[in-house]
Protein backbone atom coordinates (compact mmCIF):
# COMPACT_ATOMS: atom_id res chain seq x y z
CA MET A 1 6.08 97.50 172.89
CA ALA A 2 7.77 97.13 176.26
CA ILE A 3 9.49 100.18 177.70
CA SER A 4 12.87 98.46 177.91
CA GLU A 5 12.68 97.46 174.23
CA ARG A 6 11.76 101.02 173.28
CA ASP A 7 14.64 102.40 175.36
CA LYS A 8 17.04 100.06 173.55
CA LEU A 9 15.77 101.31 170.18
CA VAL A 10 16.09 104.94 171.27
CA ASN A 11 19.64 104.36 172.51
CA LYS A 12 20.57 102.61 169.27
CA GLU A 13 19.19 105.53 167.24
CA LYS A 14 20.87 108.05 169.55
CA ASN A 15 24.22 106.33 168.98
CA ARG A 16 23.63 106.32 165.22
CA LEU A 17 22.83 110.04 165.16
CA THR A 18 25.73 110.87 167.47
CA GLN A 19 28.06 109.16 165.02
CA LEU A 20 26.49 110.96 162.04
CA PHE A 21 26.90 114.36 163.68
CA LYS A 22 30.25 113.80 165.41
CA ASP A 23 31.85 116.66 163.44
CA ILE A 24 29.72 119.35 165.06
CA PRO A 25 32.07 121.75 166.93
CA ASP A 26 32.64 121.08 170.63
CA GLY A 27 31.15 124.43 171.64
CA LYS A 28 27.77 123.33 170.31
CA LYS A 29 27.79 119.75 171.67
CA LYS A 30 25.58 120.53 174.69
CA VAL A 31 22.80 121.89 172.46
CA VAL A 32 23.24 119.06 170.00
CA GLU A 33 22.92 116.41 172.70
CA GLY A 34 19.32 117.38 173.44
CA LEU A 35 18.42 117.56 169.77
CA ILE A 36 19.89 114.11 169.15
CA VAL A 37 17.97 112.57 172.05
CA GLN A 38 14.72 114.12 170.84
CA ALA A 39 15.38 113.05 167.24
CA ALA A 40 16.05 109.48 168.41
CA ARG A 41 12.77 109.40 170.34
CA LEU A 42 10.88 110.77 167.37
CA ARG A 43 12.43 108.26 164.98
CA VAL A 44 11.42 105.30 167.17
CA SER A 45 7.94 106.75 167.58
CA LEU A 46 7.65 107.30 163.82
CA ASP A 47 8.61 103.69 163.14
CA GLU A 48 5.94 102.49 165.58
CA LEU A 49 3.30 104.76 164.05
CA TRP A 50 4.30 103.63 160.56
CA GLN A 51 3.63 100.01 161.53
CA ASP A 52 0.21 101.02 162.86
CA LEU A 53 -0.63 102.93 159.67
CA THR A 54 0.58 100.05 157.52
CA ASN A 55 -1.66 97.62 159.40
CA ASN A 56 -4.72 99.84 159.92
CA GLY A 57 -4.57 102.48 157.18
CA ASP A 58 -4.70 106.26 157.26
CA TYR A 59 -8.49 106.59 157.30
CA GLU A 60 -11.32 105.09 159.35
CA GLU A 61 -15.08 105.05 159.32
CA PHE A 62 -16.34 107.43 162.00
CA THR A 63 -19.68 108.55 163.38
CA GLN A 64 -20.60 111.04 166.12
CA SER A 65 -23.57 108.95 167.25
CA GLU A 66 -25.84 106.13 166.15
CA LYS A 67 -28.27 108.68 164.69
CA THR A 68 -25.81 110.37 162.34
CA PRO A 69 -24.37 108.88 159.18
CA SER A 70 -20.81 107.69 159.33
CA TYR A 71 -18.04 109.21 157.25
CA GLU A 72 -14.41 108.53 156.53
CA ARG A 73 -11.87 110.56 158.49
CA GLU A 74 -8.13 110.65 158.88
CA ARG A 75 -7.09 108.51 161.82
CA PRO A 76 -5.52 110.33 164.77
CA ALA A 77 -2.41 108.14 164.31
CA ALA A 78 -1.99 109.52 160.77
CA LYS A 79 -2.18 113.11 162.02
CA LEU A 80 0.27 112.33 164.79
CA TYR A 81 2.64 110.68 162.31
CA ASN A 82 2.60 113.76 160.08
CA ALA A 83 3.23 116.14 162.99
CA ARG A 84 6.08 114.05 164.40
CA ASP A 85 7.61 113.56 160.97
CA LEU A 86 7.77 117.33 160.52
CA ALA A 87 9.38 117.75 163.93
CA TYR A 88 11.93 115.04 163.12
CA GLN A 89 12.80 116.64 159.80
CA ARG A 90 13.27 120.03 161.46
CA ILE A 91 15.63 118.60 164.06
CA ILE A 92 17.70 116.79 161.43
CA LYS A 93 17.89 120.06 159.45
CA GLN A 94 19.03 121.93 162.56
CA LEU A 95 21.71 119.33 163.23
CA SER A 96 22.86 119.35 159.61
CA ASP A 97 23.12 123.14 159.67
CA LEU A 98 25.45 122.94 162.68
CA LEU A 99 28.00 120.85 160.77
CA PRO A 100 31.08 122.86 159.77
CA GLU A 101 31.63 123.90 156.15
CA GLY A 102 33.17 121.19 154.02
CA VAL A 103 31.77 118.32 156.08
CA PRO A 104 29.31 116.31 153.97
CA LYS A 105 25.75 116.49 155.24
CA PRO A 106 24.38 113.09 156.28
CA ASN A 107 21.59 111.71 154.14
CA ASP A 108 19.14 110.79 156.85
CA GLY A 109 16.22 110.27 154.50
CA PRO A 110 14.72 106.92 153.71
CA SER A 111 17.00 104.50 151.96
CA ALA A 112 16.35 103.81 148.31
CA ASP A 113 15.18 100.26 148.98
CA GLY A 114 12.98 101.16 151.96
CA SER A 115 14.90 98.84 154.30
CA ASP A 116 14.94 101.49 157.02
CA LEU A 117 11.20 101.01 157.46
CA LEU A 118 11.49 97.38 158.50
């Protein structure tokens, strides 16, 4: 994926998250800005990794050398996806916790029909 295309996706996601969390008090906006940027980057990265995992699977045949038998192992992309997904979820939780009382928390999870994965 070209850098400019990735930047466009990150900016689109950043704008979406900024809108979702617009009710966070002004005194916390500076902190929130960094969290939103990082969450947007993670979301774009997660979507890219998801496409890779969909096409290539979570596991691969692996061998240390020609003399040792091969075995199935989790692909590095699958481990990276899991780690980034956890980081993304933590950031969204932090942002949600900063919303004032009475403001509905955004449902940033996957949509029921899975359309957010496409």
